[in-house]
Amino acid sequence: CLQTLQQEWLWHCQAIGATDKAAI
């Protein structure tokens, strides 16, 4: 569940143009 939450969060952040640093 935690892995899924993290993966979905990072994907959605990337989709709106976030940097990896900001998303994490």
PDBML (XML) file of the C-alpha atoms, coordinates in Angstrom:
<?xml version="1.0" encoding="UTF-8" ?>
<PDBx:datablock datablockName="MODEL"
   xmlns:PDBx="http://pdbml.pdb.org/schema/pdbx-v50.xsd"
   xmlns:xsi="http://www.w3.org/2001/XMLSchema-instance"
   xsi:schemaLocation="http://pdbml.pdb.org/schema/pdbx-v50.xsd pdbx-v50.xsd">
   <PDBx:atom_siteCategory>
      <PDBx:atom_site id="1">
         <PDBx:B_iso_or_equiv>0.00</PDBx:B_iso_or_equiv>
         <PDBx:Cartn_x>0.000</PDBx:Cartn_x>
         <PDBx:Cartn_y>0.000</PDBx:Cartn_y>
         <PDBx:Cartn_z>0.000</PDBx:Cartn_z>
         <PDBx:auth_asym_id>A</PDBx:auth_asym_id>
         <PDBx:auth_atom_id>CA</PDBx:auth_atom_id>
         <PDBx:auth_comp_id>CYS</PDBx:auth_comp_id>
         <PDBx:auth_seq_id>1</PDBx:auth_seq_id>
         <PDBx:group_PDB>ATOM</PDBx:group_PDB>
         <PDBx:label_alt_id xsi:nil="true" />
         <PDBx:label_asym_id>A</PDBx:label_asym_id>
         <PDBx:label_atom_id>CA</PDBx:label_atom_id>
         <PDBx:label_comp_id>CYS</PDBx:label_comp_id>
         <PDBx:label_entity_id>1</PDBx:label_entity_id>
         <PDBx:label_seq_id>1</PDBx:label_seq_id>
         <PDBx:occupancy>1.00</PDBx:occupancy>
         <PDBx:pdbx_PDB_model_num>1</PDBx:pdbx_PDB_model_num>
         <PDBx:type_symbol>C</PDBx:type_symbol>
      </PDBx:atom_site>
      <PDBx:atom_site id="2">
         <PDBx:B_iso_or_equiv>0.00</PDBx:B_iso_or_equiv>
         <PDBx:Cartn_x>2.802</PDBx:Cartn_x>
         <PDBx:Cartn_y>2.414</PDBx:Cartn_y>
         <PDBx:Cartn_z>0.916</PDBx:Cartn_z>
         <PDBx:auth_asym_id>A</PDBx:auth_asym_id>
         <PDBx:auth_atom_id>CA</PDBx:auth_atom_id>
         <PDBx:auth_comp_id>LEU</PDBx:auth_comp_id>
         <PDBx:auth_seq_id>2</PDBx:auth_seq_id>
         <PDBx:group_PDB>ATOM</PDBx:group_PDB>
         <PDBx:label_alt_id xsi:nil="true" />
         <PDBx:label_asym_id>A</PDBx:label_asym_id>
         <PDBx:label_atom_id>CA</PDBx:label_atom_id>
         <PDBx:label_comp_id>LEU</PDBx:label_comp_id>
         <PDBx:label_entity_id>1</PDBx:label_entity_id>
         <PDBx:label_seq_id>2</PDBx:label_seq_id>
         <PDBx:occupancy>1.00</PDBx:occupancy>
         <PDBx:pdbx_PDB_model_num>1</PDBx:pdbx_PDB_model_num>
         <PDBx:type_symbol>C</PDBx:type_symbol>
      </PDBx:atom_site>
      <PDBx:atom_site id="3">
         <PDBx:B_iso_or_equiv>0.00</PDBx:B_iso_or_equiv>
         <PDBx:Cartn_x>4.646</PDBx:Cartn_x>
         <PDBx:Cartn_y>1.636</PDBx:Cartn_y>
         <PDBx:Cartn_z>-2.299</PDBx:Cartn_z>
         <PDBx:auth_asym_id>A</PDBx:auth_asym_id>
         <PDBx:auth_atom_id>CA</PDBx:auth_atom_id>
         <PDBx:auth_comp_id>GLN</PDBx:auth_comp_id>
         <PDBx:auth_seq_id>3</PDBx:auth_seq_id>
         <PDBx:group_PDB>ATOM</PDBx:group_PDB>
         <PDBx:label_alt_id xsi:nil="true" />
         <PDBx:label_asym_id>A</PDBx:label_asym_id>
         <PDBx:label_atom_id>CA</PDBx:label_atom_id>
         <PDBx:label_comp_id>GLN</PDBx:label_comp_id>
         <PDBx:label_entity_id>1</PDBx:label_entity_id>
         <PDBx:label_seq_id>3</PDBx:label_seq_id>
         <PDBx:occupancy>1.00</PDBx:occupancy>
         <PDBx:pdbx_PDB_model_num>1</PDBx:pdbx_PDB_model_num>
         <PDBx:type_symbol>C</PDBx:type_symbol>
      </PDBx:atom_site>
      <PDBx:atom_site id="4">
         <PDBx:B_iso_or_equiv>0.00</PDBx:B_iso_or_equiv>
         <PDBx:Cartn_x>1.500</PDBx:Cartn_x>
         <PDBx:Cartn_y>2.252</PDBx:Cartn_y>
         <PDBx:Cartn_z>-4.344</PDBx:Cartn_z>
         <PDBx:auth_asym_id>A</PDBx:auth_asym_id>
         <PDBx:auth_atom_id>CA</PDBx:auth_atom_id>
         <PDBx:auth_comp_id>THR</PDBx:auth_comp_id>
         <PDBx:auth_seq_id>4</PDBx:auth_seq_id>
         <PDBx:group_PDB>ATOM</PDBx:group_PDB>
         <PDBx:label_alt_id xsi:nil="true" />
         <PDBx:label_asym_id>A</PDBx:label_asym_id>
         <PDBx:label_atom_id>CA</PDBx:label_atom_id>
         <PDBx:label_comp_id>THR</PDBx:label_comp_id>
         <PDBx:label_entity_id>1</PDBx:label_entity_id>
         <PDBx:label_seq_id>4</PDBx:label_seq_id>
         <PDBx:occupancy>1.00</PDBx:occupancy>
         <PDBx:pdbx_PDB_model_num>1</PDBx:pdbx_PDB_model_num>
         <PDBx:type_symbol>C</PDBx:type_symbol>
      </PDBx:atom_site>
      <PDBx:atom_site id="5">
         <PDBx:B_iso_or_equiv>0.00</PDBx:B_iso_or_equiv>
         <PDBx:Cartn_x>0.845</PDBx:Cartn_x>
         <PDBx:Cartn_y>5.555</PDBx:Cartn_y>
         <PDBx:Cartn_z>-2.568</PDBx:Cartn_z>
         <PDBx:auth_asym_id>A</PDBx:auth_asym_id>
         <PDBx:auth_atom_id>CA</PDBx:auth_atom_id>
         <PDBx:auth_comp_id>LEU</PDBx:auth_comp_id>
         <PDBx:auth_seq_id>5</PDBx:auth_seq_id>
         <PDBx:group_PDB>ATOM</PDBx:group_PDB>
         <PDBx:label_alt_id xsi:nil="true" />
         <PDBx:label_asym_id>A</PDBx:label_asym_id>
         <PDBx:label_atom_id>CA</PDBx:label_atom_id>
         <PDBx:label_comp_id>LEU</PDBx:label_comp_id>
         <PDBx:label_entity_id>1</PDBx:label_entity_id>
         <PDBx:label_seq_id>5</PDBx:label_seq_id>
         <PDBx:occupancy>1.00</PDBx:occupancy>
         <PDBx:pdbx_PDB_model_num>1</PDBx:pdbx_PDB_model_num>
         <PDBx:type_symbol>C</PDBx:type_symbol>
      </PDBx:atom_site>
      <PDBx:atom_site id="6">
         <PDBx:B_iso_or_equiv>0.00</PDBx:B_iso_or_equiv>
         <PDBx:Cartn_x>4.410</PDBx:Cartn_x>
         <PDBx:Cartn_y>6.707</PDBx:Cartn_y>
         <PDBx:Cartn_z>-3.220</PDBx:Cartn_z>
         <PDBx:auth_asym_id>A</PDBx:auth_asym_id>
         <PDBx:auth_atom_id>CA</PDBx:auth_atom_id>
         <PDBx:auth_comp_id>GLN</PDBx:auth_comp_id>
         <PDBx:auth_seq_id>6</PDBx:auth_seq_id>
         <PDBx:group_PDB>ATOM</PDBx:group_PDB>
         <PDBx:label_alt_id xsi:nil="true" />
         <PDBx:label_asym_id>A</PDBx:label_asym_id>
         <PDBx:label_atom_id>CA</PDBx:label_atom_id>
         <PDBx:label_comp_id>GLN</PDBx:label_comp_id>
         <PDBx:label_entity_id>1</PDBx:label_entity_id>
         <PDBx:label_seq_id>6</PDBx:label_seq_id>
         <PDBx:occupancy>1.00</PDBx:occupancy>
         <PDBx:pdbx_PDB_model_num>1</PDBx:pdbx_PDB_model_num>
         <PDBx:type_symbol>C</PDBx:type_symbol>
      </PDBx:atom_site>
      <PDBx:atom_site id="7">
         <PDBx:B_iso_or_equiv>0.00</PDBx:B_iso_or_equiv>
         <PDBx:Cartn_x>4.358</PDBx:Cartn_x>
         <PDBx:Cartn_y>5.678</PDBx:Cartn_y>
         <PDBx:Cartn_z>-6.868</PDBx:Cartn_z>
         <PDBx:auth_asym_id>A</PDBx:auth_asym_id>
         <PDBx:auth_atom_id>CA</PDBx:auth_atom_id>
         <PDBx:auth_comp_id>GLN</PDBx:auth_comp_id>
         <PDBx:auth_seq_id>7</PDBx:auth_seq_id>
         <PDBx:group_PDB>ATOM</PDBx:group_PDB>
         <PDBx:label_alt_id xsi:nil="true" />
         <PDBx:label_asym_id>A</PDBx:label_asym_id>
         <PDBx:label_atom_id>CA</PDBx:label_atom_id>
         <PDBx:label_comp_id>GLN</PDBx:label_comp_id>
         <PDBx:label_entity_id>1</PDBx:label_entity_id>
         <PDBx:label_seq_id>7</PDBx:label_seq_id>
         <PDBx:occupancy>1.00</PDBx:occupancy>
         <PDBx:pdbx_PDB_model_num>1</PDBx:pdbx_PDB_model_num>
         <PDBx:type_symbol>C</PDBx:type_symbol>
      </PDBx:atom_site>
      <PDBx:atom_site id="8">
         <PDBx:B_iso_or_equiv>0.00</PDBx:B_iso_or_equiv>
         <PDBx:Cartn_x>1.028</PDBx:Cartn_x>
         <PDBx:Cartn_y>7.394</PDBx:Cartn_y>
         <PDBx:Cartn_z>-7.536</PDBx:Cartn_z>
         <PDBx:auth_asym_id>A</PDBx:auth_asym_id>
         <PDBx:auth_atom_id>CA</PDBx:auth_atom_id>
         <PDBx:auth_comp_id>GLU</PDBx:auth_comp_id>
         <PDBx:auth_seq_id>8</PDBx:auth_seq_id>
         <PDBx:group_PDB>ATOM</PDBx:group_PDB>
         <PDBx:label_alt_id xsi:nil="true" />
         <PDBx:label_asym_id>A</PDBx:label_asym_id>
         <PDBx:label_atom_id>CA</PDBx:label_atom_id>
         <PDBx:label_comp_id>GLU</PDBx:label_comp_id>
         <PDBx:label_entity_id>1</PDBx:label_entity_id>
         <PDBx:label_seq_id>8</PDBx:label_seq_id>
         <PDBx:occupancy>1.00</PDBx:occupancy>
         <PDBx:pdbx_PDB_model_num>1</PDBx:pdbx_PDB_model_num>
         <PDBx:type_symbol>C</PDBx:type_symbol>
      </PDBx:atom_site>
      <PDBx:atom_site id="9">
         <PDBx:B_iso_or_equiv>0.00</PDBx:B_iso_or_equiv>
         <PDBx:Cartn_x>2.157</PDBx:Cartn_x>
         <PDBx:Cartn_y>10.546</PDBx:Cartn_y>
         <PDBx:Cartn_z>-5.717</PDBx:Cartn_z>
         <PDBx:auth_asym_id>A</PDBx:auth_asym_id>
         <PDBx:auth_atom_id>CA</PDBx:auth_atom_id>
         <PDBx:auth_comp_id>TRP</PDBx:auth_comp_id>
         <PDBx:auth_seq_id>9</PDBx:auth_seq_id>
         <PDBx:group_PDB>ATOM</PDBx:group_PDB>
         <PDBx:label_alt_id xsi:nil="true" />
         <PDBx:label_asym_id>A</PDBx:label_asym_id>
         <PDBx:label_atom_id>CA</PDBx:label_atom_id>
         <PDBx:label_comp_id>TRP</PDBx:label_comp_id>
         <PDBx:label_entity_id>1</PDBx:label_entity_id>
         <PDBx:label_seq_id>9</PDBx:label_seq_id>
         <PDBx:occupancy>1.00</PDBx:occupancy>
         <PDBx:pdbx_PDB_model_num>1</PDBx:pdbx_PDB_model_num>
         <PDBx:type_symbol>C</PDBx:type_symbol>
      </PDBx:atom_site>
      <PDBx:atom_site id="10">
         <PDBx:B_iso_or_equiv>0.00</PDBx:B_iso_or_equiv>
         <PDBx:Cartn_x>5.391</PDBx:Cartn_x>
         <PDBx:Cartn_y>10.834</PDBx:Cartn_y>
         <PDBx:Cartn_z>-7.697</PDBx:Cartn_z>
         <PDBx:auth_asym_id>A</PDBx:auth_asym_id>
         <PDBx:auth_atom_id>CA</PDBx:auth_atom_id>
         <PDBx:auth_comp_id>LEU</PDBx:auth_comp_id>
         <PDBx:auth_seq_id>10</PDBx:auth_seq_id>
         <PDBx:group_PDB>ATOM</PDBx:group_PDB>
         <PDBx:label_alt_id xsi:nil="true" />
         <PDBx:label_asym_id>A</PDBx:label_asym_id>
         <PDBx:label_atom_id>CA</PDBx:label_atom_id>
         <PDBx:label_comp_id>LEU</PDBx:label_comp_id>
         <PDBx:label_entity_id>1</PDBx:label_entity_id>
         <PDBx:label_seq_id>10</PDBx:label_seq_id>
         <PDBx:occupancy>1.00</PDBx:occupancy>
         <PDBx:pdbx_PDB_model_num>1</PDBx:pdbx_PDB_model_num>
         <PDBx:type_symbol>C</PDBx:type_symbol>
      </PDBx:atom_site>
      <PDBx:atom_site id="11">
         <PDBx:B_iso_or_equiv>0.00</PDBx:B_iso_or_equiv>
         <PDBx:Cartn_x>3.614</PDBx:Cartn_x>
         <PDBx:Cartn_y>10.151</PDBx:Cartn_y>
         <PDBx:Cartn_z>-10.999</PDBx:Cartn_z>
         <PDBx:auth_asym_id>A</PDBx:auth_asym_id>
         <PDBx:auth_atom_id>CA</PDBx:auth_atom_id>
         <PDBx:auth_comp_id>TRP</PDBx:auth_comp_id>
         <PDBx:auth_seq_id>11</PDBx:auth_seq_id>
         <PDBx:group_PDB>ATOM</PDBx:group_PDB>
         <PDBx:label_alt_id xsi:nil="true" />
         <PDBx:label_asym_id>A</PDBx:label_asym_id>
         <PDBx:label_atom_id>CA</PDBx:label_atom_id>
         <PDBx:label_comp_id>TRP</PDBx:label_comp_id>
         <PDBx:label_entity_id>1</PDBx:label_entity_id>
         <PDBx:label_seq_id>11</PDBx:label_seq_id>
         <PDBx:occupancy>1.00</PDBx:occupancy>
         <PDBx:pdbx_PDB_model_num>1</PDBx:pdbx_PDB_model_num>
         <PDBx:type_symbol>C</PDBx:type_symbol>
      </PDBx:atom_site>
      <PDBx:atom_site id="12">
         <PDBx:B_iso_or_equiv>0.00</PDBx:B_iso_or_equiv>
         <PDBx:Cartn_x>0.966</PDBx:Cartn_x>
         <PDBx:Cartn_y>12.842</PDBx:Cartn_y>
         <PDBx:Cartn_z>-10.378</PDBx:Cartn_z>
         <PDBx:auth_asym_id>A</PDBx:auth_asym_id>
         <PDBx:auth_atom_id>CA</PDBx:auth_atom_id>
         <PDBx:auth_comp_id>HIS</PDBx:auth_comp_id>
         <PDBx:auth_seq_id>12</PDBx:auth_seq_id>
         <PDBx:group_PDB>ATOM</PDBx:group_PDB>
         <PDBx:label_alt_id xsi:nil="true" />
         <PDBx:label_asym_id>A</PDBx:label_asym_id>
         <PDBx:label_atom_id>CA</PDBx:label_atom_id>
         <PDBx:label_comp_id>HIS</PDBx:label_comp_id>
         <PDBx:label_entity_id>1</PDBx:label_entity_id>
         <PDBx:label_seq_id>12</PDBx:label_seq_id>
         <PDBx:occupancy>1.00</PDBx:occupancy>
         <PDBx:pdbx_PDB_model_num>1</PDBx:pdbx_PDB_model_num>
         <PDBx:type_symbol>C</PDBx:type_symbol>
      </PDBx:atom_site>
      <PDBx:atom_site id="13">
         <PDBx:B_iso_or_equiv>0.00</PDBx:B_iso_or_equiv>
         <PDBx:Cartn_x>3.618</PDBx:Cartn_x>
         <PDBx:Cartn_y>15.327</PDBx:Cartn_y>
         <PDBx:Cartn_z>-9.292</PDBx:Cartn_z>
         <PDBx:auth_asym_id>A</PDBx:auth_asym_id>
         <PDBx:auth_atom_id>CA</PDBx:auth_atom_id>
         <PDBx:auth_comp_id>CYS</PDBx:auth_comp_id>
         <PDBx:auth_seq_id>13</PDBx:auth_seq_id>
         <PDBx:group_PDB>ATOM</PDBx:group_PDB>
         <PDBx:label_alt_id xsi:nil="true" />
         <PDBx:label_asym_id>A</PDBx:label_asym_id>
         <PDBx:label_atom_id>CA</PDBx:label_atom_id>
         <PDBx:label_comp_id>CYS</PDBx:label_comp_id>
         <PDBx:label_entity_id>1</PDBx:label_entity_id>
         <PDBx:label_seq_id>13</PDBx:label_seq_id>
         <PDBx:occupancy>1.00</PDBx:occupancy>
         <PDBx:pdbx_PDB_model_num>1</PDBx:pdbx_PDB_model_num>
         <PDBx:type_symbol>C</PDBx:type_symbol>
      </PDBx:atom_site>
      <PDBx:atom_site id="14">
         <PDBx:B_iso_or_equiv>0.00</PDBx:B_iso_or_equiv>
         <PDBx:Cartn_x>5.633</PDBx:Cartn_x>
         <PDBx:Cartn_y>14.683</PDBx:Cartn_y>
         <PDBx:Cartn_z>-12.430</PDBx:Cartn_z>
         <PDBx:auth_asym_id>A</PDBx:auth_asym_id>
         <PDBx:auth_atom_id>CA</PDBx:auth_atom_id>
         <PDBx:auth_comp_id>GLN</PDBx:auth_comp_id>
         <PDBx:auth_seq_id>14</PDBx:auth_seq_id>
         <PDBx:group_PDB>ATOM</PDBx:group_PDB>
         <PDBx:label_alt_id xsi:nil="true" />
         <PDBx:label_asym_id>A</PDBx:label_asym_id>
         <PDBx:label_atom_id>CA</PDBx:label_atom_id>
         <PDBx:label_comp_id>GLN</PDBx:label_comp_id>
         <PDBx:label_entity_id>1</PDBx:label_entity_id>
         <PDBx:label_seq_id>14</PDBx:label_seq_id>
         <PDBx:occupancy>1.00</PDBx:occupancy>
         <PDBx:pdbx_PDB_model_num>1</PDBx:pdbx_PDB_model_num>
         <PDBx:type_symbol>C</PDBx:type_symbol>
      </PDBx:atom_site>
      <PDBx:atom_site id="15">
         <PDBx:B_iso_or_equiv>0.00</PDBx:B_iso_or_equiv>
         <PDBx:Cartn_x>2.470</PDBx:Cartn_x>
         <PDBx:Cartn_y>15.099</PDBx:Cartn_y>
         <PDBx:Cartn_z>-14.514</PDBx:Cartn_z>
         <PDBx:auth_asym_id>A</PDBx:auth_asym_id>
         <PDBx:auth_atom_id>CA</PDBx:auth_atom_id>
         <PDBx:auth_comp_id>ALA</PDBx:auth_comp_id>
         <PDBx:auth_seq_id>15</PDBx:auth_seq_id>
         <PDBx:group_PDB>ATOM</PDBx:group_PDB>
         <PDBx:label_alt_id xsi:nil="true" />
         <PDBx:label_asym_id>A</PDBx:label_asym_id>
         <PDBx:label_atom_id>CA</PDBx:label_atom_id>
         <PDBx:label_comp_id>ALA</PDBx:label_comp_id>
         <PDBx:label_entity_id>1</PDBx:label_entity_id>
         <PDBx:label_seq_id>15</PDBx:label_seq_id>
         <PDBx:occupancy>1.00</PDBx:occupancy>
         <PDBx:pdbx_PDB_model_num>1</PDBx:pdbx_PDB_model_num>
         <PDBx:type_symbol>C</PDBx:type_symbol>
      </PDBx:atom_site>
      <PDBx:atom_site id="16">
         <PDBx:B_iso_or_equiv>0.00</PDBx:B_iso_or_equiv>
         <PDBx:Cartn_x>2.045</PDBx:Cartn_x>
         <PDBx:Cartn_y>18.701</PDBx:Cartn_y>
         <PDBx:Cartn_z>-13.290</PDBx:Cartn_z>
         <PDBx:auth_asym_id>A</PDBx:auth_asym_id>
         <PDBx:auth_atom_id>CA</PDBx:auth_atom_id>
         <PDBx:auth_comp_id>ILE</PDBx:auth_comp_id>
         <PDBx:auth_seq_id>16</PDBx:auth_seq_id>
         <PDBx:group_PDB>ATOM</PDBx:group_PDB>
         <PDBx:label_alt_id xsi:nil="true" />
         <PDBx:label_asym_id>A</PDBx:label_asym_id>
         <PDBx:label_atom_id>CA</PDBx:label_atom_id>
         <PDBx:label_comp_id>ILE</PDBx:label_comp_id>
         <PDBx:label_entity_id>1</PDBx:label_entity_id>
         <PDBx:label_seq_id>16</PDBx:label_seq_id>
         <PDBx:occupancy>1.00</PDBx:occupancy>
         <PDBx:pdbx_PDB_model_num>1</PDBx:pdbx_PDB_model_num>
         <PDBx:type_symbol>C</PDBx:type_symbol>
      </PDBx:atom_site>
      <PDBx:atom_site id="17">
         <PDBx:B_iso_or_equiv>0.00</PDBx:B_iso_or_equiv>
         <PDBx:Cartn_x>5.696</PDBx:Cartn_x>
         <PDBx:Cartn_y>19.511</PDBx:Cartn_y>
         <PDBx:Cartn_z>-13.912</PDBx:Cartn_z>
         <PDBx:auth_asym_id>A</PDBx:auth_asym_id>
         <PDBx:auth_atom_id>CA</PDBx:auth_atom_id>
         <PDBx:auth_comp_id>GLY</PDBx:auth_comp_id>
         <PDBx:auth_seq_id>17</PDBx:auth_seq_id>
         <PDBx:group_PDB>ATOM</PDBx:group_PDB>
         <PDBx:label_alt_id xsi:nil="true" />
         <PDBx:label_asym_id>A</PDBx:label_asym_id>
         <PDBx:label_atom_id>CA</PDBx:label_atom_id>
         <PDBx:label_comp_id>GLY</PDBx:label_comp_id>
         <PDBx:label_entity_id>1</PDBx:label_entity_id>
         <PDBx:label_seq_id>17</PDBx:label_seq_id>
         <PDBx:occupancy>1.00</PDBx:occupancy>
         <PDBx:pdbx_PDB_model_num>1</PDBx:pdbx_PDB_model_num>
         <PDBx:type_symbol>C</PDBx:type_symbol>
      </PDBx:atom_site>
      <PDBx:atom_site id="18">
         <PDBx:B_iso_or_equiv>0.00</PDBx:B_iso_or_equiv>
         <PDBx:Cartn_x>7.180</PDBx:Cartn_x>
         <PDBx:Cartn_y>19.038</PDBx:Cartn_y>
         <PDBx:Cartn_z>-10.455</PDBx:Cartn_z>
         <PDBx:auth_asym_id>A</PDBx:auth_asym_id>
         <PDBx:auth_atom_id>CA</PDBx:auth_atom_id>
         <PDBx:auth_comp_id>ALA</PDBx:auth_comp_id>
         <PDBx:auth_seq_id>18</PDBx:auth_seq_id>
         <PDBx:group_PDB>ATOM</PDBx:group_PDB>
         <PDBx:label_alt_id xsi:nil="true" />
         <PDBx:label_asym_id>A</PDBx:label_asym_id>
         <PDBx:label_atom_id>CA</PDBx:label_atom_id>
         <PDBx:label_comp_id>ALA</PDBx:label_comp_id>
         <PDBx:label_entity_id>1</PDBx:label_entity_id>
         <PDBx:label_seq_id>18</PDBx:label_seq_id>
         <PDBx:occupancy>1.00</PDBx:occupancy>
         <PDBx:pdbx_PDB_model_num>1</PDBx:pdbx_PDB_model_num>
         <PDBx:type_symbol>C</PDBx:type_symbol>
      </PDBx:atom_site>
      <PDBx:atom_site id="19">
         <PDBx:B_iso_or_equiv>0.00</PDBx:B_iso_or_equiv>
         <PDBx:Cartn_x>10.877</PDBx:Cartn_x>
         <PDBx:Cartn_y>18.355</PDBx:Cartn_y>
         <PDBx:Cartn_z>-10.041</PDBx:Cartn_z>
         <PDBx:auth_asym_id>A</PDBx:auth_asym_id>
         <PDBx:auth_atom_id>CA</PDBx:auth_atom_id>
         <PDBx:auth_comp_id>THR</PDBx:auth_comp_id>
         <PDBx:auth_seq_id>19</PDBx:auth_seq_id>
         <PDBx:group_PDB>ATOM</PDBx:group_PDB>
         <PDBx:label_alt_id xsi:nil="true" />
         <PDBx:label_asym_id>A</PDBx:label_asym_id>
         <PDBx:label_atom_id>CA</PDBx:label_atom_id>
         <PDBx:label_comp_id>THR</PDBx:label_comp_id>
         <PDBx:label_entity_id>1</PDBx:label_entity_id>
         <PDBx:label_seq_id>19</PDBx:label_seq_id>
         <PDBx:occupancy>1.00</PDBx:occupancy>
         <PDBx:pdbx_PDB_model_num>1</PDBx:pdbx_PDB_model_num>
         <PDBx:type_symbol>C</PDBx:type_symbol>
      </PDBx:atom_site>
      <PDBx:atom_site id="20">
         <PDBx:B_iso_or_equiv>0.00</PDBx:B_iso_or_equiv>
         <PDBx:Cartn_x>11.839</PDBx:Cartn_x>
         <PDBx:Cartn_y>15.066</PDBx:Cartn_y>
         <PDBx:Cartn_z>-8.421</PDBx:Cartn_z>
         <PDBx:auth_asym_id>A</PDBx:auth_asym_id>
         <PDBx:auth_atom_id>CA</PDBx:auth_atom_id>
         <PDBx:auth_comp_id>ASP</PDBx:auth_comp_id>
         <PDBx:auth_seq_id>20</PDBx:auth_seq_id>
         <PDBx:group_PDB>ATOM</PDBx:group_PDB>
         <PDBx:label_alt_id xsi:nil="true" />
         <PDBx:label_asym_id>A</PDBx:label_asym_id>
         <PDBx:label_atom_id>CA</PDBx:label_atom_id>
         <PDBx:label_comp_id>ASP</PDBx:label_comp_id>
         <PDBx:label_entity_id>1</PDBx:label_entity_id>
         <PDBx:label_seq_id>20</PDBx:label_seq_id>
         <PDBx:occupancy>1.00</PDBx:occupancy>
         <PDBx:pdbx_PDB_model_num>1</PDBx:pdbx_PDB_model_num>
         <PDBx:type_symbol>C</PDBx:type_symbol>
      </PDBx:atom_site>
      <PDBx:atom_site id="21">
         <PDBx:B_iso_or_equiv>0.00</PDBx:B_iso_or_equiv>
         <PDBx:Cartn_x>13.299</PDBx:Cartn_x>
         <PDBx:Cartn_y>17.020</PDBx:Cartn_y>
         <PDBx:Cartn_z>-5.502</PDBx:Cartn_z>
         <PDBx:auth_asym_id>A</PDBx:auth_asym_id>
         <PDBx:auth_atom_id>CA</PDBx:auth_atom_id>
         <PDBx:auth_comp_id>LYS</PDBx:auth_comp_id>
         <PDBx:auth_seq_id>21</PDBx:auth_seq_id>
         <PDBx:group_PDB>ATOM</PDBx:group_PDB>
         <PDBx:label_alt_id xsi:nil="true" />
         <PDBx:label_asym_id>A</PDBx:label_asym_id>
         <PDBx:label_atom_id>CA</PDBx:label_atom_id>
         <PDBx:label_comp_id>LYS</PDBx:label_comp_id>
         <PDBx:label_entity_id>1</PDBx:label_entity_id>
         <PDBx:label_seq_id>21</PDBx:label_seq_id>
         <PDBx:occupancy>1.00</PDBx:occupancy>
         <PDBx:pdbx_PDB_model_num>1</PDBx:pdbx_PDB_model_num>
         <PDBx:type_symbol>C</PDBx:type_symbol>
      </PDBx:atom_site>
      <PDBx:atom_site id="22">
         <PDBx:B_iso_or_equiv>0.00</PDBx:B_iso_or_equiv>
         <PDBx:Cartn_x>10.027</PDBx:Cartn_x>
         <PDBx:Cartn_y>18.898</PDBx:Cartn_y>
         <PDBx:Cartn_z>-4.830</PDBx:Cartn_z>
         <PDBx:auth_asym_id>A</PDBx:auth_asym_id>
         <PDBx:auth_atom_id>CA</PDBx:auth_atom_id>
         <PDBx:auth_comp_id>ALA</PDBx:auth_comp_id>
         <PDBx:auth_seq_id>22</PDBx:auth_seq_id>
         <PDBx:group_PDB>ATOM</PDBx:group_PDB>
         <PDBx:label_alt_id xsi:nil="true" />
         <PDBx:label_asym_id>A</PDBx:label_asym_id>
         <PDBx:label_atom_id>CA</PDBx:label_atom_id>
         <PDBx:label_comp_id>ALA</PDBx:label_comp_id>
         <PDBx:label_entity_id>1</PDBx:label_entity_id>
         <PDBx:label_seq_id>22</PDBx:label_seq_id>
         <PDBx:occupancy>1.00</PDBx:occupancy>
         <PDBx:pdbx_PDB_model_num>1</PDBx:pdbx_PDB_model_num>
         <PDBx:type_symbol>C</PDBx:type_symbol>
      </PDBx:atom_site>
      <PDBx:atom_site id="23">
         <PDBx:B_iso_or_equiv>0.00</PDBx:B_iso_or_equiv>
         <PDBx:Cartn_x>7.892</PDBx:Cartn_x>
         <PDBx:Cartn_y>15.780</PDBx:Cartn_y>
         <PDBx:Cartn_z>-5.274</PDBx:Cartn_z>
         <PDBx:auth_asym_id>A</PDBx:auth_asym_id>
         <PDBx:auth_atom_id>CA</PDBx:auth_atom_id>
         <PDBx:auth_comp_id>ALA</PDBx:auth_comp_id>
         <PDBx:auth_seq_id>23</PDBx:auth_seq_id>
         <PDBx:group_PDB>ATOM</PDBx:group_PDB>
         <PDBx:label_alt_id xsi:nil="true" />
         <PDBx:label_asym_id>A</PDBx:label_asym_id>
         <PDBx:label_atom_id>CA</PDBx:label_atom_id>
         <PDBx:label_comp_id>ALA</PDBx:label_comp_id>
         <PDBx:label_entity_id>1</PDBx:label_entity_id>
         <PDBx:label_seq_id>23</PDBx:label_seq_id>
         <PDBx:occupancy>1.00</PDBx:occupancy>
         <PDBx:pdbx_PDB_model_num>1</PDBx:pdbx_PDB_model_num>
         <PDBx:type_symbol>C</PDBx:type_symbol>
      </PDBx:atom_site>
      <PDBx:atom_site id="24">
         <PDBx:B_iso_or_equiv>0.00</PDBx:B_iso_or_equiv>
         <PDBx:Cartn_x>9.979</PDBx:Cartn_x>
         <PDBx:Cartn_y>13.768</PDBx:Cartn_y>
         <PDBx:Cartn_z>-2.808</PDBx:Cartn_z>
         <PDBx:auth_asym_id>A</PDBx:auth_asym_id>
         <PDBx:auth_atom_id>CA</PDBx:auth_atom_id>
         <PDBx:auth_comp_id>ILE</PDBx:auth_comp_id>
         <PDBx:auth_seq_id>24</PDBx:auth_seq_id>
         <PDBx:group_PDB>ATOM</PDBx:group_PDB>
         <PDBx:label_alt_id xsi:nil="true" />
         <PDBx:label_asym_id>A</PDBx:label_asym_id>
         <PDBx:label_atom_id>CA</PDBx:label_atom_id>
         <PDBx:label_comp_id>ILE</PDBx:label_comp_id>
         <PDBx:label_entity_id>1</PDBx:label_entity_id>
         <PDBx:label_seq_id>24</PDBx:label_seq_id>
         <PDBx:occupancy>1.00</PDBx:occupancy>
         <PDBx:pdbx_PDB_model_num>1</PDBx:pdbx_PDB_model_num>
         <PDBx:type_symbol>C</PDBx:type_symbol>
      </PDBx:atom_site>
   </PDBx:atom_siteCategory>
</PDBx:datablock>
